[in-house]
Every structure is written in C-alpha cells, then in structure tokens.
Amino acid sequence: QVRLVESGGGLVQPGGSLNLSCAASGIIFDNYYLSWYRQAPGKLRHMVARFLGDGSPHVIDAVKGRFAISIDNARNTIILQMNNLIPEDTAVYFCYALAKHAVDDYWGQGTQVTVSS
C-alpha cells in the first residue's frame, strides 16, 4: 500500500523558515516523478518544486532562491526547504508522486503553512 505523509507545516512569521517532509512508503523513488504542490485558499493547486527527468531539482520563479527540494533516501523522504517565507506562501502543501512508466499517481493529505505576523 502506497502512503505519502506530509509533516512540518505550521505558523511562521514573514522571513521565517520551515522544512516540510513527505514520508513515503510502498513506492520506489526511481520509478516516480516527485514534486511538491500547494493550494492557497480559493485558488487552484499548482506545482511549486519538482525533480526533472534528469533528476535535477526545479522550482517555480515565485520561490526561486527561497525554496529547495531534496530527497533523503535513507528515510525515504521528500523534503521541501522553505526560507524567507512571505504571506503569499500561505497554502496547504502536498507532495505528489507520478509513475514514470505506468498510469499511477499518489497524493499526500497535505500540511498547512501559514505565514503571518
């Protein structure tokens, strides 16, 4: 059974940092495209950070220089490091795994990030 479980969200002041974790079980990372999405209140869910086909990390322009995606293979965890947070980063953050060679994908349940003074 595949499970993606996010953690690490919370309330943080502008300029602060959070590290989100997505603990994965039941999948082999090499067989999936891994990414983080976010959904702000009243808005559509969209991709924030992902690994490209060659394995290199990519983030959207809105978070470039502030966010970074990485993998801890020892803990089978996908990490999103978030620095210099701004109120516009407030959203529910989800990790997502899309199979490379099958019609198969998985979402975590999400973790709330609120940036406010």
PDB file of N, CA and C in Angstrom:
ATOM      1  N   GLN A   1       0.842  -1.185   0.000  1.00  0.00           N
ATOM      2  CA  GLN A   1       0.000   0.000   0.000  1.00  0.00           C
ATOM      3  C   GLN A   1       0.885   1.245   0.000  1.00  0.00           C
ATOM      4  N   VAL A   2       0.581   2.173  -0.893  1.00  0.00           N
ATOM      5  CA  VAL A   2       1.362   3.399  -1.009  1.00  0.00           C
ATOM      6  C   VAL A   2       0.810   4.455  -0.064  1.00  0.00           C
ATOM      7  N   ARG A   3       1.723   5.104   0.639  1.00  0.00           N
ATOM      8  CA  ARG A   3       1.333   6.214   1.504  1.00  0.00           C
ATOM      9  C   ARG A   3       2.344   7.333   1.365  1.00  0.00           C
ATOM     10  N   LEU A   4       1.839   8.569   1.282  1.00  0.00           N
ATOM     11  CA  LEU A   4       2.654   9.774   1.342  1.00  0.00           C
ATOM     12  C   LEU A   4       2.117  10.600   2.506  1.00  0.00           C
ATOM     13  N   VAL A   5       2.962  10.897   3.465  1.00  0.00           N
ATOM     14  CA  VAL A   5       2.515  11.599   4.664  1.00  0.00           C
ATOM     15  C   VAL A   5       3.378  12.835   4.865  1.00  0.00           C
ATOM     16  N   GLU A   6       2.759  14.015   4.713  1.00  0.00           N
ATOM     17  CA  GLU A   6       3.482  15.273   4.888  1.00  0.00           C
ATOM     18  C   GLU A   6       3.493  15.686   6.360  1.00  0.00           C
ATOM     19  N   SER A   7       4.539  16.413   6.731  1.00  0.00           N
ATOM     20  CA  SER A   7       4.636  16.990   8.066  1.00  0.00           C
ATOM     21  C   SER A   7       5.529  18.213   7.999  1.00  0.00           C
ATOM     22  N   GLY A   8       5.518  18.991   9.084  1.00  0.00           N
ATOM     23  CA  GLY A   8       6.420  20.138   9.170  1.00  0.00           C
ATOM     24  C   GLY A   8       5.766  21.481   8.940  1.00  0.00           C
ATOM     25  N   GLY A   9       4.483  21.498   8.605  1.00  0.00           N
ATOM     26  CA  GLY A   9       3.809  22.767   8.424  1.00  0.00           C
ATOM     27  C   GLY A   9       3.560  23.466   9.745  1.00  0.00           C
ATOM     28  N   GLY A  10       3.051  24.696   9.654  1.00  0.00           N
ATOM     29  CA  GLY A  10       2.747  25.439  10.856  1.00  0.00           C
ATOM     30  C   GLY A  10       2.620  26.914  10.574  1.00  0.00           C
ATOM     31  N   LEU A  11       2.591  27.679  11.660  1.00  0.00           N
ATOM     32  CA  LEU A  11       2.500  29.137  11.586  1.00  0.00           C
ATOM     33  C   LEU A  11       3.900  29.721  11.749  1.00  0.00           C
ATOM     34  N   VAL A  12       4.273  30.603  10.851  1.00  0.00           N
ATOM     35  CA  VAL A  12       5.599  31.207  10.905  1.00  0.00           C
ATOM     36  C   VAL A  12       5.494  32.675  10.518  1.00  0.00           C
ATOM     37  N   GLN A  13       6.350  33.493  11.080  1.00  0.00           N
ATOM     38  CA  GLN A  13       6.354  34.914  10.752  1.00  0.00           C
ATOM     39  C   GLN A  13       7.030  35.157   9.408  1.00  0.00           C
ATOM     40  N   PRO A  14       6.686  36.238   8.734  1.00  0.00           N
ATOM     41  CA  PRO A  14       7.391  36.571   7.489  1.00  0.00           C
ATOM     42  C   PRO A  14       8.895  36.629   7.714  1.00  0.00           C
ATOM     43  N   GLY A  15       9.618  36.058   6.751  1.00  0.00           N
ATOM     44  CA  GLY A  15      11.061  35.967   6.890  1.00  0.00           C
ATOM     45  C   GLY A  15      11.534  34.691   7.541  1.00  0.00           C
ATOM     46  N   GLY A  16      10.611  33.929   8.084  1.00  0.00           N
ATOM     47  CA  GLY A  16      10.975  32.688   8.766  1.00  0.00           C
ATOM     48  C   GLY A  16      11.179  31.528   7.810  1.00  0.00           C
ATOM     49  N   SER A  17      11.464  30.359   8.392  1.00  0.00           N
ATOM     50  CA  SER A  17      11.761  29.161   7.608  1.00  0.00           C
ATOM     51  C   SER A  17      10.967  27.968   8.132  1.00  0.00           C
ATOM     52  N   LEU A  18      10.699  27.051   7.229  1.00  0.00           N
ATOM     53  CA  LEU A  18      10.101  25.763   7.574  1.00  0.00           C
ATOM     54  C   LEU A  18      10.697  24.697   6.672  1.00  0.00           C
ATOM     55  N   ASN A  19      10.795  23.501   7.196  1.00  0.00           N
ATOM     56  CA  ASN A  19      11.188  22.347   6.388  1.00  0.00           C
ATOM     57  C   ASN A  19      10.030  21.363   6.377  1.00  0.00           C
ATOM     58  N   LEU A  20       9.485  21.131   5.203  1.00  0.00           N
ATOM     59  CA  LEU A  20       8.410  20.155   5.066  1.00  0.00           C
ATOM     60  C   LEU A  20       8.997  18.801   4.683  1.00  0.00           C
ATOM     61  N   SER A  21       8.416  17.754   5.243  1.00  0.00           N
ATOM     62  CA  SER A  21       8.828  16.393   4.914  1.00  0.00           C
ATOM     63  C   SER A  21       7.653  15.616   4.366  1.00  0.00           C
ATOM     64  N   CYS A  22       7.942  14.736   3.438  1.00  0.00           N
ATOM     65  CA  CYS A  22       6.937  13.829   2.898  1.00  0.00           C
ATOM     66  C   CYS A  22       7.506  12.418   3.032  1.00  0.00           C
ATOM     67  N   ALA A  23       7.010  11.689   4.010  1.00  0.00           N
ATOM     68  CA  ALA A  23       7.471  10.325   4.232  1.00  0.00           C
ATOM     69  C   ALA A  23       6.710   9.384   3.318  1.00  0.00           C
ATOM     70  N   ALA A  24       7.452   8.649   2.500  1.00  0.00           N
ATOM     71  CA  ALA A  24       6.833   7.779   1.503  1.00  0.00           C
ATOM     72  C   ALA A  24       7.036   6.312   1.869  1.00  0.00           C
ATOM     73  N   SER A  25       6.011   5.526   1.617  1.00  0.00           N
ATOM     74  CA  SER A  25       6.115   4.078   1.788  1.00  0.00           C
ATOM     75  C   SER A  25       5.383   3.410   0.636  1.00  0.00           C
ATOM     76  N   GLY A  26       5.879   2.258   0.235  1.00  0.00           N
ATOM     77  CA  GLY A  26       5.219   1.496  -0.818  1.00  0.00           C
ATOM     78  C   GLY A  26       5.601   1.885  -2.226  1.00  0.00           C
ATOM     79  N   ILE A  27       6.538   2.826  -2.392  1.00  0.00           N
ATOM     80  CA  ILE A  27       6.995   3.193  -3.733  1.00  0.00           C
ATOM     81  C   ILE A  27       8.521   3.231  -3.766  1.00  0.00           C
ATOM     82  N   ILE A  28       9.059   3.043  -4.957  1.00  0.00           N
ATOM     83  CA  ILE A  28      10.492   3.195  -5.185  1.00  0.00           C
ATOM     84  C   ILE A  28      10.693   4.527  -5.896  1.00  0.00           C
ATOM     85  N   PHE A  29      11.437   5.422  -5.277  1.00  0.00           N
ATOM     86  CA  PHE A  29      11.561   6.782  -5.794  1.00  0.00           C
ATOM     87  C   PHE A  29      12.010   6.821  -7.256  1.00  0.00           C
ATOM     88  N   ASP A  30      12.890   5.935  -7.642  1.00  0.00           N
ATOM     89  CA  ASP A  30      13.402   5.966  -9.011  1.00  0.00           C
ATOM     90  C   ASP A  30      12.305   5.734 -10.055  1.00  0.00           C
ATOM     91  N   ASN A  31      11.201   5.163  -9.658  1.00  0.00           N
ATOM     92  CA  ASN A  31      10.117   4.847 -10.591  1.00  0.00           C
ATOM     93  C   ASN A  31       9.062   5.941 -10.679  1.00  0.00           C
ATOM     94  N   TYR A  32       9.286   7.046  -9.943  1.00  0.00           N
ATOM     95  CA  TYR A  32       8.286   8.112  -9.886  1.00  0.00           C
ATOM     96  C   TYR A  32       8.912   9.482 -10.083  1.00  0.00           C
ATOM     97  N   TYR A  33       8.125  10.375 -10.698  1.00  0.00           N
ATOM     98  CA  TYR A  33       8.451  11.801 -10.686  1.00  0.00           C
ATOM     99  C   TYR A  33       7.898  12.369  -9.383  1.00  0.00           C
ATOM    100  N   LEU A  34       8.748  13.033  -8.618  1.00  0.00           N
ATOM    101  CA  LEU A  34       8.384  13.522  -7.284  1.00  0.00           C
ATOM    102  C   LEU A  34       8.297  15.041  -7.292  1.00  0.00           C
ATOM    103  N   SER A  35       7.294  15.558  -6.603  1.00  0.00           N
ATOM    104  CA  SER A  35       7.112  17.008  -6.614  1.00  0.00           C
ATOM    105  C   SER A  35       6.336  17.467  -5.387  1.00  0.00           C
ATOM    106  N   TRP A  36       6.362  18.770  -5.169  1.00  0.00           N
ATOM    107  CA  TRP A  36       5.555  19.442  -4.164  1.00  0.00           C
ATOM    108  C   TRP A  36       4.608  20.403  -4.873  1.00  0.00           C
ATOM    109  N   TYR A  37       3.357  20.423  -4.410  1.00  0.00           N
ATOM    110  CA  TYR A  37       2.342  21.345  -4.889  1.00  0.00           C
ATOM    111  C   TYR A  37       1.841  22.171  -3.710  1.00  0.00           C
ATOM    112  N   ARG A  38       1.171  23.247  -4.012  1.00  0.00           N
ATOM    113  CA  ARG A  38       0.495  23.999  -2.949  1.00  0.00           C
ATOM    114  C   ARG A  38      -0.838  24.537  -3.458  1.00  0.00           C
ATOM    115  N   GLN A  39      -1.744  24.739  -2.515  1.00  0.00           N
ATOM    116  CA  GLN A  39      -3.057  25.269  -2.838  1.00  0.00           C
ATOM    117  C   GLN A  39      -3.428  26.319  -1.813  1.00  0.00           C
ATOM    118  N   ALA A  40      -3.486  27.565  -2.274  1.00  0.00           N
ATOM    119  CA  ALA A  40      -3.891  28.670  -1.418  1.00  0.00           C
ATOM    120  C   ALA A  40      -5.417  28.737  -1.363  1.00  0.00           C
ATOM    121  N   PRO A  41      -5.965  29.366  -0.330  1.00  0.00           N
ATOM    122  CA  PRO A  41      -7.427  29.464  -0.208  1.00  0.00           C
ATOM    123  C   PRO A  41      -8.052  30.084  -1.445  1.00  0.00           C
ATOM    124  N   GLY A  42      -9.051  29.414  -2.001  1.00  0.00           N
ATOM    125  CA  GLY A  42      -9.765  29.932  -3.157  1.00  0.00           C
ATOM    126  C   GLY A  42      -9.017  29.837  -4.469  1.00  0.00           C
ATOM    127  N   LYS A  43      -7.878  29.155  -4.480  1.00  0.00           N
ATOM    128  CA  LYS A  43      -7.081  29.061  -5.710  1.00  0.00           C
ATOM    129  C   LYS A  43      -6.851  27.599  -6.084  1.00  0.00           C
ATOM    130  N   LEU A  44      -6.409  27.399  -7.320  1.00  0.00           N
ATOM    131  CA  LEU A  44      -6.126  26.062  -7.790  1.00  0.00           C
ATOM    132  C   LEU A  44      -4.797  25.553  -7.221  1.00  0.00           C
ATOM    133  N   ARG A  45      -4.674  24.240  -7.142  1.00  0.00           N
ATOM    134  CA  ARG A  45      -3.427  23.630  -6.732  1.00  0.00           C
ATOM    135  C   ARG A  45      -2.425  23.738  -7.874  1.00  0.00           C
ATOM    136  N   HIS A  46      -1.186  24.108  -7.550  1.00  0.00           N
ATOM    137  CA  HIS A  46      -0.168  24.169  -8.586  1.00  0.00           C
ATOM    138  C   HIS A  46       1.179  23.727  -8.058  1.00  0.00           C
ATOM    139  N   MET A  47       2.021  23.316  -8.993  1.00  0.00           N
ATOM    140  CA  MET A  47       3.323  22.783  -8.660  1.00  0.00           C
ATOM    141  C   MET A  47       4.246  23.883  -8.174  1.00  0.00           C
ATOM    142  N   VAL A  48       5.017  23.577  -7.137  1.00  0.00           N
ATOM    143  CA  VAL A  48       5.977  24.512  -6.579  1.00  0.00           C
ATOM    144  C   VAL A  48       7.416  24.059  -6.861  1.00  0.00           C
ATOM    145  N   ALA A  49       7.656  22.775  -6.703  1.00  0.00           N
ATOM    146  CA  ALA A  49       9.015  22.259  -6.879  1.00  0.00           C
ATOM    147  C   ALA A  49       8.932  20.810  -7.347  1.00  0.00           C
ATOM    148  N   ARG A  50       9.880  20.406  -8.168  1.00  0.00           N
ATOM    149  CA  ARG A  50       9.864  19.030  -8.659  1.00  0.00           C
ATOM    150  C   ARG A  50      11.250  18.637  -9.116  1.00  0.00           C
ATOM    151  N   PHE A  51      11.407  17.345  -9.378  1.00  0.00           N
ATOM    152  CA  PHE A  51      12.628  16.835  -9.990  1.00  0.00           C
ATOM    153  C   PHE A  51      12.347  16.624 -11.480  1.00  0.00           C
ATOM    154  N   LEU A  52      13.244  17.150 -12.314  1.00  0.00           N
ATOM    155  CA  LEU A  52      13.091  16.990 -13.752  1.00  0.00           C
ATOM    156  C   LEU A  52      13.471  15.571 -14.168  1.00  0.00           C
ATOM    157  N   GLY A  53      13.279  15.260 -15.439  1.00  0.00           N
ATOM    158  CA  GLY A  53      13.562  13.916 -15.918  1.00  0.00           C
ATOM    159  C   GLY A  53      15.002  13.469 -15.710  1.00  0.00           C
ATOM    160  N   ASP A  54      15.922  14.419 -15.693  1.00  0.00           N
ATOM    161  CA  ASP A  54      17.324  14.062 -15.467  1.00  0.00           C
ATOM    162  C   ASP A  54      17.675  14.033 -13.985  1.00  0.00           C
ATOM    163  N   GLY A  55      16.670  14.235 -13.136  1.00  0.00           N
ATOM    164  CA  GLY A  55      16.881  14.184 -11.701  1.00  0.00           C
ATOM    165  C   GLY A  55      17.255  15.504 -11.066  1.00  0.00           C
ATOM    166  N   SER A  56      17.428  16.542 -11.851  1.00  0.00           N
ATOM    167  CA  SER A  56      17.812  17.838 -11.287  1.00  0.00           C
ATOM    168  C   SER A  56      16.590  18.519 -10.680  1.00  0.00           C
ATOM    169  N   PRO A  57      16.787  19.300  -9.635  1.00  0.00           N
ATOM    170  CA  PRO A  57      15.673  19.968  -8.971  1.00  0.00           C
ATOM    171  C   PRO A  57      15.240  21.224  -9.726  1.00  0.00           C
ATOM    172  N   HIS A  58      13.976  21.524  -9.635  1.00  0.00           N
ATOM    173  CA  HIS A  58      13.401  22.695 -10.289  1.00  0.00           C
ATOM    174  C   HIS A  58      12.361  23.308  -9.373  1.00  0.00           C
ATOM    175  N   VAL A  59      12.365  24.632  -9.268  1.00  0.00           N
ATOM    176  CA  VAL A  59      11.330  25.339  -8.512  1.00  0.00           C
ATOM    177  C   VAL A  59      10.744  26.432  -9.399  1.00  0.00           C
ATOM    178  N   ILE A  60       9.538  26.845  -9.090  1.00  0.00           N
ATOM    179  CA  ILE A  60       8.903  27.913  -9.876  1.00  0.00           C
ATOM    180  C   ILE A  60       9.561  29.247  -9.549  1.00  0.00           C
ATOM    181  N   ASP A  61       9.393  30.224 -10.433  1.00  0.00           N
ATOM    182  CA  ASP A  61      10.042  31.519 -10.257  1.00  0.00           C
ATOM    183  C   ASP A  61       9.642  32.197  -8.947  1.00  0.00           C
ATOM    184  N   ALA A  62       8.396  32.021  -8.513  1.00  0.00           N
ATOM    185  CA  ALA A  62       7.908  32.708  -7.317  1.00  0.00           C
ATOM    186  C   ALA A  62       8.661  32.318  -6.049  1.00  0.00           C
ATOM    187  N   VAL A  63       9.308  31.161  -6.069  1.00  0.00           N
ATOM    188  CA  VAL A  63      10.013  30.696  -4.864  1.00  0.00           C
ATOM    189  C   VAL A  63      11.498  30.478  -5.124  1.00  0.00           C
ATOM    190  N   LYS A  64      11.968  30.857  -6.304  1.00  0.00           N
ATOM    191  CA  LYS A  64      13.374  30.636  -6.644  1.00  0.00           C
ATOM    192  C   LYS A  64      14.271  31.406  -5.689  1.00  0.00           C
ATOM    193  N   GLY A  65      15.307  30.729  -5.210  1.00  0.00           N
ATOM    194  CA  GLY A  65      16.213  31.342  -4.254  1.00  0.00           C
ATOM    195  C   GLY A  65      15.744  31.230  -2.813  1.00  0.00           C
ATOM    196  N   ARG A  66      14.499  30.771  -2.612  1.00  0.00           N
ATOM    197  CA  ARG A  66      13.963  30.645  -1.258  1.00  0.00           C
ATOM    198  C   ARG A  66      13.607  29.201  -0.910  1.00  0.00           C
ATOM    199  N   PHE A  67      13.135  28.431  -1.877  1.00  0.00           N
ATOM    200  CA  PHE A  67      12.723  27.043  -1.652  1.00  0.00           C
ATOM    201  C   PHE A  67      13.701  26.092  -2.333  1.00  0.00           C
ATOM    202  N   ALA A  68      13.816  24.896  -1.781  1.00  0.00           N
ATOM    203  CA  ALA A  68      14.641  23.861  -2.399  1.00  0.00           C
ATOM    204  C   ALA A  68      14.020  22.499  -2.125  1.00  0.00           C
ATOM    205  N   ILE A  69      14.015  21.651  -3.141  1.00  0.00           N
ATOM    206  CA  ILE A  69      13.504  20.287  -3.000  1.00  0.00           C
ATOM    207  C   ILE A  69      14.680  19.320  -2.955  1.00  0.00           C
ATOM    208  N   SER A  70      14.574  18.325  -2.102  1.00  0.00           N
ATOM    209  CA  SER A  70      15.634  17.342  -1.993  1.00  0.00           C
ATOM    210  C   SER A  70      15.037  16.022  -1.543  1.00  0.00           C
ATOM    211  N   ILE A  71      15.875  14.990  -1.554  1.00  0.00           N
ATOM    212  CA  ILE A  71      15.446  13.658  -1.127  1.00  0.00           C
ATOM    213  C   ILE A  71      16.398  13.127  -0.075  1.00  0.00           C
ATOM    214  N   ASP A  72      15.824  12.559   0.962  1.00  0.00           N
ATOM    215  CA  ASP A  72      16.601  11.826   1.958  1.00  0.00           C
ATOM    216  C   ASP A  72      16.325  10.348   1.696  1.00  0.00           C
ATOM    217  N   ASN A  73      17.214   9.702   0.954  1.00  0.00           N
ATOM    218  CA  ASN A  73      16.971   8.301   0.576  1.00  0.00           C
ATOM    219  C   ASN A  73      16.989   7.364   1.781  1.00  0.00           C
ATOM    220  N   ALA A  74      17.781   7.706   2.772  1.00  0.00           N
ATOM    221  CA  ALA A  74      17.863   6.847   3.956  1.00  0.00           C
ATOM    222  C   ALA A  74      16.525   6.761   4.683  1.00  0.00           C
ATOM    223  N   ARG A  75      15.761   7.868   4.621  1.00  0.00           N
ATOM    224  CA  ARG A  75      14.464   7.896   5.300  1.00  0.00           C
ATOM    225  C   ARG A  75      13.295   7.831   4.326  1.00  0.00           C
ATOM    226  N   ASN A  76      13.591   7.617   3.037  1.00  0.00           N
ATOM    227  CA  ASN A  76      12.546   7.572   2.010  1.00  0.00           C
ATOM    228  C   ASN A  76      11.625   8.788   2.122  1.00  0.00           C
ATOM    229  N   THR A  77      12.233   9.964   2.177  1.00  0.00           N
ATOM    230  CA  THR A  77      11.508  11.203   2.441  1.00  0.00           C
ATOM    231  C   THR A  77      11.854  12.253   1.395  1.00  0.00           C
ATOM    232  N   ILE A  78      10.819  12.966   0.948  1.00  0.00           N
ATOM    233  CA  ILE A  78      10.993  14.105   0.058  1.00  0.00           C
ATOM    234  C   ILE A  78      10.899  15.360   0.915  1.00  0.00           C
ATOM    235  N   ILE A  79      11.851  16.260   0.761  1.00  0.00           N
ATOM    236  CA  ILE A  79      11.941  17.427   1.628  1.00  0.00           C
ATOM    237  C   ILE A  79      11.740  18.698   0.817  1.00  0.00           C
ATOM    238  N   LEU A  80      11.034  19.660   1.405  1.00  0.00           N
ATOM    239  CA  LEU A  80      10.924  20.995   0.825  1.00  0.00           C
ATOM    240  C   LEU A  80      11.424  21.989   1.878  1.00  0.00           C
ATOM    241  N   GLN A  81      12.587  22.545   1.615  1.00  0.00           N
ATOM    242  CA  GLN A  81      13.138  23.570   2.486  1.00  0.00           C
ATOM    243  C   GLN A  81      12.599  24.923   2.030  1.00  0.00           C
ATOM    244  N   MET A  82      12.043  25.673   2.972  1.00  0.00           N
ATOM    245  CA  MET A  82      11.433  26.963   2.641  1.00  0.00           C
ATOM    246  C   MET A  82      12.042  28.038   3.534  1.00  0.00           C
ATOM    247  N   ASN A  83      12.677  29.008   2.923  1.00  0.00           N
ATOM    248  CA  ASN A  83      13.309  30.105   3.645  1.00  0.00           C
ATOM    249  C   ASN A  83      12.710  31.431   3.221  1.00  0.00           C
ATOM    250  N   ASN A  84      12.920  32.435   4.060  1.00  0.00           N
ATOM    251  CA  ASN A  84      12.449  33.783   3.759  1.00  0.00           C
ATOM    252  C   ASN A  84      10.987  33.776   3.314  1.00  0.00           C
ATOM    253  N   LEU A  85      10.168  33.138   4.115  1.00  0.00           N
ATOM    254  CA  LEU A  85       8.760  32.971   3.765  1.00  0.00           C
ATOM    255  C   LEU A  85       8.030  34.311   3.759  1.00  0.00           C
ATOM    256  N   ILE A  86       7.074  34.415   2.865  1.00  0.00           N
ATOM    257  CA  ILE A  86       6.248  35.611   2.734  1.00  0.00           C
ATOM    258  C   ILE A  86       4.777  35.203   2.857  1.00  0.00           C
ATOM    259  N   PRO A  87       3.885  36.148   3.159  1.00  0.00           N
ATOM    260  CA  PRO A  87       2.465  35.787   3.323  1.00  0.00           C
ATOM    261  C   PRO A  87       1.873  35.077   2.110  1.00  0.00           C
ATOM    262  N   GLU A  88       2.370  35.385   0.927  1.00  0.00           N
ATOM    263  CA  GLU A  88       1.846  34.742  -0.292  1.00  0.00           C
ATOM    264  C   GLU A  88       2.189  33.252  -0.362  1.00  0.00           C
ATOM    265  N   ASP A  89       3.064  32.796   0.504  1.00  0.00           N
ATOM    266  CA  ASP A  89       3.383  31.362   0.556  1.00  0.00           C
ATOM    267  C   ASP A  89       2.362  30.578   1.374  1.00  0.00           C
ATOM    268  N   THR A  90       1.438  31.274   2.011  1.00  0.00           N
ATOM    269  CA  THR A  90       0.412  30.604   2.804  1.00  0.00           C
ATOM    270  C   THR A  90      -0.435  29.691   1.921  1.00  0.00           C
ATOM    271  N   ALA A  91      -0.488  28.412   2.280  1.00  0.00           N
ATOM    272  CA  ALA A  91      -1.201  27.432   1.466  1.00  0.00           C
ATOM    273  C   ALA A  91      -1.138  26.082   2.167  1.00  0.00           C
ATOM    274  N   VAL A  92      -1.901  25.140   1.647  1.00  0.00           N
ATOM    275  CA  VAL A  92      -1.717  23.743   2.012  1.00  0.00           C
ATOM    276  C   VAL A  92      -0.727  23.152   1.013  1.00  0.00           C
ATOM    277  N   TYR A  93       0.294  22.491   1.540  1.00  0.00           N
ATOM    278  CA  TYR A  93       1.352  21.936   0.704  1.00  0.00           C
ATOM    279  C   TYR A  93       1.184  20.425   0.631  1.00  0.00           C
ATOM    280  N   PHE A  94       1.285  19.904  -0.607  1.00  0.00           N
ATOM    281  CA  PHE A  94       1.078  18.487  -0.871  1.00  0.00           C
ATOM    282  C   PHE A  94       2.299  17.905  -1.576  1.00  0.00           C
ATOM    283  N   CYS A  95       2.670  16.701  -1.239  1.00  0.00           N
ATOM    284  CA  CYS A  95       3.640  16.001  -2.062  1.00  0.00           C
ATOM    285  C   CYS A  95       2.892  15.087  -3.033  1.00  0.00           C
ATOM    286  N   TYR A  96       3.547  14.817  -4.159  1.00  0.00           N
ATOM    287  CA  TYR A  96       2.891  14.110  -5.261  1.00  0.00           C
ATOM    288  C   TYR A  96       3.900  13.205  -5.944  1.00  0.00           C
ATOM    289  N   ALA A  97       3.480  11.986  -6.215  1.00  0.00           N
ATOM    290  CA  ALA A  97       4.325  11.017  -6.920  1.00  0.00           C
ATOM    291  C   ALA A  97       3.588  10.538  -8.159  1.00  0.00           C
ATOM    292  N   LEU A  98       4.200  10.725  -9.313  1.00  0.00           N
ATOM    293  CA  LEU A  98       3.627  10.322 -10.603  1.00  0.00           C
ATOM    294  C   LEU A  98       4.497   9.230 -11.200  1.00  0.00           C
ATOM    295  N   ALA A  99       3.897   8.077 -11.491  1.00  0.00           N
ATOM    296  CA  ALA A  99       4.676   6.958 -12.026  1.00  0.00           C
ATOM    297  C   ALA A  99       5.257   7.300 -13.394  1.00  0.00           C
ATOM    298  N   LYS A 100       6.506   6.881 -13.606  1.00  0.00           N
ATOM    299  CA  LYS A 100       7.185   7.160 -14.873  1.00  0.00           C
ATOM    300  C   LYS A 100       6.726   6.222 -15.991  1.00  0.00           C
ATOM    301  N   HIS A 101       6.359   5.006 -15.660  1.00  0.00           N
ATOM    302  CA  HIS A 101       6.094   4.007 -16.688  1.00  0.00           C
ATOM    303  C   HIS A 101       4.749   3.325 -16.508  1.00  0.00           C
ATOM    304  N   ALA A 102       3.831   4.009 -15.829  1.00  0.00           N
ATOM    305  CA  ALA A 102       2.502   3.451 -15.621  1.00  0.00           C
ATOM    306  C   ALA A 102       1.523   4.597 -15.400  1.00  0.00           C
ATOM    307  N   VAL A 103       0.264   4.279 -15.506  1.00  0.00           N
ATOM    308  CA  VAL A 103      -0.771   5.273 -15.196  1.00  0.00           C
ATOM    309  C   VAL A 103      -1.075   5.124 -13.717  1.00  0.00           C
ATOM    310  N   ASP A 104      -0.350   5.920 -12.913  1.00  0.00           N
ATOM    311  CA  ASP A 104      -0.391   5.689 -11.481  1.00  0.00           C
ATOM    312  C   ASP A 104       0.118   6.952 -10.803  1.00  0.00           C
ATOM    313  N   ASP A 105      -0.613   7.462  -9.834  1.00  0.00           N
ATOM    314  CA  ASP A 105      -0.115   8.622  -9.109  1.00  0.00           C
ATOM    315  C   ASP A 105      -0.689   8.642  -7.702  1.00  0.00           C
ATOM    316  N   TYR A 106      -0.001   9.384  -6.817  1.00  0.00           N
ATOM    317  CA  TYR A 106      -0.387   9.430  -5.406  1.00  0.00           C
ATOM    318  C   TYR A 106      -0.187  10.834  -4.854  1.00  0.00           C
ATOM    319  N   TRP A 107      -1.119  11.236  -3.996  1.00  0.00           N
ATOM    320  CA  TRP A 107      -1.043  12.498  -3.268  1.00  0.00           C
ATOM    321  C   TRP A 107      -0.971  12.226  -1.772  1.00  0.00           C
ATOM    322  N   GLY A 108      -0.257  13.108  -1.071  1.00  0.00           N
ATOM    323  CA  GLY A 108      -0.347  13.105   0.375  1.00  0.00           C
ATOM    324  C   GLY A 108      -1.594  13.867   0.802  1.00  0.00           C
ATOM    325  N   GLN A 109      -1.812  13.913   2.113  1.00  0.00           N
ATOM    326  CA  GLN A 109      -3.018  14.555   2.644  1.00  0.00           C
ATOM    327  C   GLN A 109      -2.846  16.068   2.795  1.00  0.00           C
ATOM    328  N   GLY A 110      -1.601  16.549   2.713  1.00  0.00           N
ATOM    329  CA  GLY A 110      -1.344  17.976   2.801  1.00  0.00           C
ATOM    330  C   GLY A 110      -0.957  18.427   4.192  1.00  0.00           C
ATOM    331  N   THR A 111      -0.199  19.517   4.249  1.00  0.00           N
ATOM    332  CA  THR A 111       0.171  20.139   5.517  1.00  0.00           C
ATOM    333  C   THR A 111       0.034  21.654   5.357  1.00  0.00           C
ATOM    334  N   GLN A 112      -0.573  22.286   6.345  1.00  0.00           N
ATOM    335  CA  GLN A 112      -0.875  23.720   6.258  1.00  0.00           C
ATOM    336  C   GLN A 112       0.347  24.550   6.631  1.00  0.00           C
ATOM    337  N   VAL A 113       0.642  25.524   5.792  1.00  0.00           N
ATOM    338  CA  VAL A 113       1.679  26.517   6.076  1.00  0.00           C
ATOM    339  C   VAL A 113       1.007  27.889   6.093  1.00  0.00           C
ATOM    340  N   THR A 114       1.160  28.597   7.193  1.00  0.00           N
ATOM    341  CA  THR A 114       0.597  29.932   7.332  1.00  0.00           C
ATOM    342  C   THR A 114       1.708  30.904   7.668  1.00  0.00           C
ATOM    343  N   VAL A 115       1.857  31.918   6.846  1.00  0.00           N
ATOM    344  CA  VAL A 115       2.887  32.936   7.061  1.00  0.00           C
ATOM    345  C   VAL A 115       2.179  34.239   7.434  1.00  0.00           C
ATOM    346  N   SER A 116       2.348  34.618   8.678  1.00  0.00           N
ATOM    347  CA  SER A 116       1.630  35.785   9.180  1.00  0.00           C
ATOM    348  C   SER A 116       2.336  36.341  10.400  1.00  0.00           C
ATOM    349  N   SER A 117       2.252  37.666  10.557  1.00  0.00           N
ATOM    350  CA  SER A 117       2.803  38.293  11.747  1.00  0.00           C
ATOM    351  C   SER A 117       1.713  38.470  12.809  1.00  0.00           C
TER     352      SER A 117
END
